[in-house]
Amino acid sequence: MSYREQFIWKRGVQLAINCYRLTEKFPKSELYGLTSQIRRSAVSVPSNIAEGYGRRTQNEYIQFLHIALGSLRELDTQLIIAK
């Protein structure tokens, strides 16, 4: 099984796409502020899931899942601020 077949990775990719669409509507003055931060946090979620999947041990994979969870918490905070 590939990481691309994982439900959680697919949802993470969709989340990142949705965040890109949302931030297209942000003011240009936020391009290097919230827009950039939201996009980076959103992309980090599926990226860390994929990277962890390629590691050698289950403990390493779990570590990357925790990093992805941290990125989700960052994203949540940034979206609250943007609202």
N, C-alpha and C. Protein backbone atom coordinates (compact mmCIF):
# COMPACT_ATOMS: atom_id res chain seq x y z
N MET A 1 0.84 -1.18 0.00
CA MET A 1 0.00 0.00 0.00
C MET A 1 0.89 1.25 0.00
N SER A 2 0.51 2.24 -0.76
CA SER A 2 1.22 3.51 -0.85
C SER A 2 0.56 4.53 0.06
N TYR A 3 1.31 5.54 0.46
CA TYR A 3 0.72 6.61 1.26
C TYR A 3 -0.40 7.30 0.49
N ARG A 4 -0.34 7.27 -0.82
CA ARG A 4 -1.38 7.90 -1.65
C ARG A 4 -2.72 7.19 -1.55
N GLU A 5 -2.71 5.99 -1.05
CA GLU A 5 -3.95 5.24 -0.87
C GLU A 5 -4.57 5.46 0.51
N GLN A 6 -3.87 6.14 1.37
CA GLN A 6 -4.36 6.36 2.73
C GLN A 6 -5.42 7.46 2.73
N PHE A 7 -6.52 7.18 3.41
CA PHE A 7 -7.62 8.13 3.53
C PHE A 7 -7.14 9.45 4.13
N ILE A 8 -6.35 9.39 5.18
CA ILE A 8 -5.91 10.60 5.88
C ILE A 8 -5.01 11.46 5.00
N TRP A 9 -4.18 10.85 4.18
CA TRP A 9 -3.35 11.62 3.25
C TRP A 9 -4.22 12.32 2.21
N LYS A 10 -5.20 11.61 1.68
CA LYS A 10 -6.11 12.21 0.69
C LYS A 10 -6.86 13.40 1.27
N ARG A 11 -7.32 13.25 2.51
CA ARG A 11 -8.02 14.36 3.18
C ARG A 11 -7.07 15.54 3.41
N GLY A 12 -5.83 15.25 3.73
CA GLY A 12 -4.84 16.31 3.93
C GLY A 12 -4.58 17.08 2.65
N VAL A 13 -4.48 16.38 1.54
CA VAL A 13 -4.28 17.03 0.25
C VAL A 13 -5.48 17.92 -0.08
N GLN A 14 -6.68 17.41 0.16
CA GLN A 14 -7.88 18.21 -0.10
C GLN A 14 -7.93 19.44 0.80
N LEU A 15 -7.51 19.29 2.04
CA LEU A 15 -7.44 20.43 2.96
C LEU A 15 -6.51 21.50 2.41
N ALA A 16 -5.34 21.10 1.93
CA ALA A 16 -4.38 22.05 1.38
C ALA A 16 -4.96 22.77 0.15
N ILE A 17 -5.61 22.03 -0.71
CA ILE A 17 -6.22 22.64 -1.90
C ILE A 17 -7.28 23.66 -1.48
N ASN A 18 -8.10 23.29 -0.50
CA ASN A 18 -9.13 24.21 -0.01
C ASN A 18 -8.53 25.46 0.60
N CYS A 19 -7.42 25.32 1.31
CA CYS A 19 -6.76 26.47 1.91
C CYS A 19 -6.19 27.39 0.84
N TYR A 20 -5.65 26.82 -0.22
CA TYR A 20 -5.15 27.64 -1.32
C TYR A 20 -6.29 28.43 -1.95
N ARG A 21 -7.42 27.79 -2.15
CA ARG A 21 -8.58 28.47 -2.73
C ARG A 21 -9.07 29.59 -1.82
N LEU A 22 -9.13 29.31 -0.53
CA LEU A 22 -9.58 30.30 0.43
C LEU A 22 -8.67 31.51 0.45
N THR A 23 -7.36 31.27 0.49
CA THR A 23 -6.41 32.38 0.62
C THR A 23 -6.26 33.20 -0.65
N GLU A 24 -6.75 32.68 -1.78
CA GLU A 24 -6.75 33.48 -3.02
C GLU A 24 -7.59 34.74 -2.84
N LYS A 25 -8.55 34.67 -1.92
CA LYS A 25 -9.47 35.78 -1.69
C LYS A 25 -8.97 36.75 -0.64
N PHE A 26 -7.85 36.45 -0.01
CA PHE A 26 -7.29 37.31 1.02
C PHE A 26 -6.72 38.58 0.38
N PRO A 27 -6.64 39.66 1.15
CA PRO A 27 -6.02 40.89 0.62
C PRO A 27 -4.56 40.65 0.26
N LYS A 28 -4.09 41.36 -0.73
CA LYS A 28 -2.69 41.24 -1.16
C LYS A 28 -1.73 41.61 -0.03
N SER A 29 -2.18 42.44 0.89
CA SER A 29 -1.32 42.83 2.01
C SER A 29 -1.01 41.65 2.93
N GLU A 30 -1.76 40.57 2.81
CA GLU A 30 -1.54 39.37 3.63
C GLU A 30 -0.71 38.31 2.91
N LEU A 31 -0.24 38.60 1.71
CA LEU A 31 0.50 37.61 0.92
C LEU A 31 1.68 37.02 1.70
N TYR A 32 2.42 37.84 2.43
CA TYR A 32 3.57 37.35 3.17
C TYR A 32 3.26 37.12 4.64
N GLY A 33 1.99 37.27 5.00
CA GLY A 33 1.55 37.06 6.37
C GLY A 33 0.71 35.80 6.47
N LEU A 34 -0.57 36.01 6.72
CA LEU A 34 -1.46 34.87 6.93
C LEU A 34 -1.58 33.96 5.71
N THR A 35 -1.61 34.53 4.53
CA THR A 35 -1.73 33.70 3.32
C THR A 35 -0.60 32.68 3.27
N SER A 36 0.61 33.15 3.42
CA SER A 36 1.78 32.27 3.37
C SER A 36 1.76 31.25 4.51
N GLN A 37 1.45 31.69 5.71
CA GLN A 37 1.45 30.80 6.87
C GLN A 37 0.38 29.71 6.74
N ILE A 38 -0.81 30.09 6.31
CA ILE A 38 -1.90 29.12 6.15
C ILE A 38 -1.52 28.09 5.10
N ARG A 39 -1.00 28.53 4.00
CA ARG A 39 -0.63 27.61 2.93
C ARG A 39 0.47 26.65 3.38
N ARG A 40 1.46 27.18 4.06
CA ARG A 40 2.57 26.33 4.52
C ARG A 40 2.10 25.30 5.54
N SER A 41 1.27 25.71 6.47
CA SER A 41 0.74 24.78 7.46
C SER A 41 -0.10 23.69 6.80
N ALA A 42 -0.94 24.11 5.86
CA ALA A 42 -1.83 23.15 5.18
C ALA A 42 -1.03 22.13 4.36
N VAL A 43 -0.01 22.59 3.66
CA VAL A 43 0.81 21.69 2.84
C VAL A 43 1.62 20.75 3.73
N SER A 44 1.97 21.21 4.91
CA SER A 44 2.77 20.42 5.83
C SER A 44 2.05 19.15 6.30
N VAL A 45 0.73 19.21 6.38
CA VAL A 45 -0.03 18.06 6.89
C VAL A 45 0.15 16.82 6.01
N PRO A 46 -0.25 16.84 4.74
CA PRO A 46 -0.07 15.63 3.93
C PRO A 46 1.40 15.33 3.65
N SER A 47 2.23 16.37 3.63
CA SER A 47 3.66 16.15 3.39
C SER A 47 4.29 15.32 4.50
N ASN A 48 3.95 15.63 5.74
CA ASN A 48 4.49 14.87 6.86
C ASN A 48 3.91 13.45 6.94
N ILE A 49 2.67 13.31 6.56
CA ILE A 49 2.09 11.97 6.51
C ILE A 49 2.84 11.11 5.49
N ALA A 50 3.09 11.69 4.32
CA ALA A 50 3.82 10.97 3.27
C ALA A 50 5.25 10.67 3.69
N GLU A 51 5.92 11.65 4.28
CA GLU A 51 7.31 11.43 4.68
C GLU A 51 7.40 10.37 5.77
N GLY A 52 6.51 10.42 6.72
CA GLY A 52 6.51 9.42 7.79
C GLY A 52 6.24 8.02 7.28
N TYR A 53 5.37 7.94 6.29
CA TYR A 53 5.04 6.63 5.72
C TYR A 53 6.27 5.95 5.12
N GLY A 54 7.18 6.76 4.62
CA GLY A 54 8.39 6.23 4.00
C GLY A 54 9.51 5.90 4.97
N ARG A 55 9.31 6.15 6.24
CA ARG A 55 10.35 5.85 7.23
C ARG A 55 10.40 4.37 7.53
N ARG A 56 11.44 3.97 8.23
CA ARG A 56 11.70 2.54 8.43
C ARG A 56 10.89 1.91 9.55
N THR A 57 10.59 2.67 10.58
CA THR A 57 9.91 2.07 11.73
C THR A 57 8.56 2.73 11.98
N GLN A 58 7.73 2.00 12.69
CA GLN A 58 6.42 2.52 13.05
C GLN A 58 6.56 3.73 13.98
N ASN A 59 7.54 3.71 14.87
CA ASN A 59 7.75 4.84 15.77
C ASN A 59 8.10 6.12 15.00
N GLU A 60 8.90 5.98 13.95
CA GLU A 60 9.23 7.15 13.13
C GLU A 60 7.97 7.67 12.43
N TYR A 61 7.16 6.76 11.92
CA TYR A 61 5.92 7.14 11.26
C TYR A 61 5.02 7.90 12.24
N ILE A 62 4.90 7.39 13.44
CA ILE A 62 4.08 8.04 14.46
C ILE A 62 4.61 9.43 14.77
N GLN A 63 5.92 9.57 14.81
CA GLN A 63 6.52 10.89 15.06
C GLN A 63 6.08 11.89 13.99
N PHE A 64 6.08 11.46 12.73
CA PHE A 64 5.66 12.36 11.65
C PHE A 64 4.16 12.63 11.69
N LEU A 65 3.38 11.68 12.17
CA LEU A 65 1.95 11.94 12.35
C LEU A 65 1.73 13.00 13.42
N HIS A 66 2.56 12.97 14.46
CA HIS A 66 2.47 14.01 15.49
C HIS A 66 2.85 15.38 14.92
N ILE A 67 3.82 15.41 14.05
CA ILE A 67 4.20 16.67 13.40
C ILE A 67 3.04 17.19 12.55
N ALA A 68 2.40 16.29 11.82
CA ALA A 68 1.24 16.67 11.00
C ALA A 68 0.12 17.21 11.89
N LEU A 69 -0.08 16.59 13.04
CA LEU A 69 -1.09 17.07 13.98
C LEU A 69 -0.75 18.47 14.48
N GLY A 70 0.52 18.71 14.74
CA GLY A 70 0.95 20.05 15.13
C GLY A 70 0.67 21.07 14.05
N SER A 71 0.88 20.69 12.80
CA SER A 71 0.58 21.60 11.68
C SER A 71 -0.91 21.88 11.59
N LEU A 72 -1.73 20.89 11.89
CA LEU A 72 -3.18 21.11 11.91
C LEU A 72 -3.56 22.11 12.99
N ARG A 73 -2.92 22.04 14.13
CA ARG A 73 -3.21 22.99 15.21
C ARG A 73 -2.75 24.40 14.84
N GLU A 74 -1.62 24.50 14.17
CA GLU A 74 -1.17 25.80 13.67
C GLU A 74 -2.20 26.37 12.70
N LEU A 75 -2.62 25.51 11.76
CA LEU A 75 -3.59 25.94 10.75
C LEU A 75 -4.89 26.39 11.39
N ASP A 76 -5.36 25.66 12.37
CA ASP A 76 -6.60 26.02 13.07
C ASP A 76 -6.46 27.42 13.68
N THR A 77 -5.35 27.66 14.33
CA THR A 77 -5.10 28.97 14.95
C THR A 77 -5.06 30.07 13.90
N GLN A 78 -4.38 29.82 12.80
CA GLN A 78 -4.26 30.83 11.74
C GLN A 78 -5.61 31.14 11.11
N LEU A 79 -6.45 30.12 10.95
CA LEU A 79 -7.78 30.34 10.37
C LEU A 79 -8.68 31.13 11.32
N ILE A 80 -8.51 30.88 12.63
CA ILE A 80 -9.27 31.66 13.62
C ILE A 80 -8.85 33.13 13.54
N ILE A 81 -7.56 33.37 13.44
CA ILE A 81 -7.06 34.75 13.33
C ILE A 81 -7.57 35.40 12.04
N ALA A 82 -7.56 34.66 10.96
CA ALA A 82 -8.02 35.19 9.67
C ALA A 82 -9.50 35.55 9.70
N LYS A 83 -10.26 34.78 10.44
CA LYS A 83 -11.70 35.04 10.53
C LYS A 83 -11.95 36.36 11.22
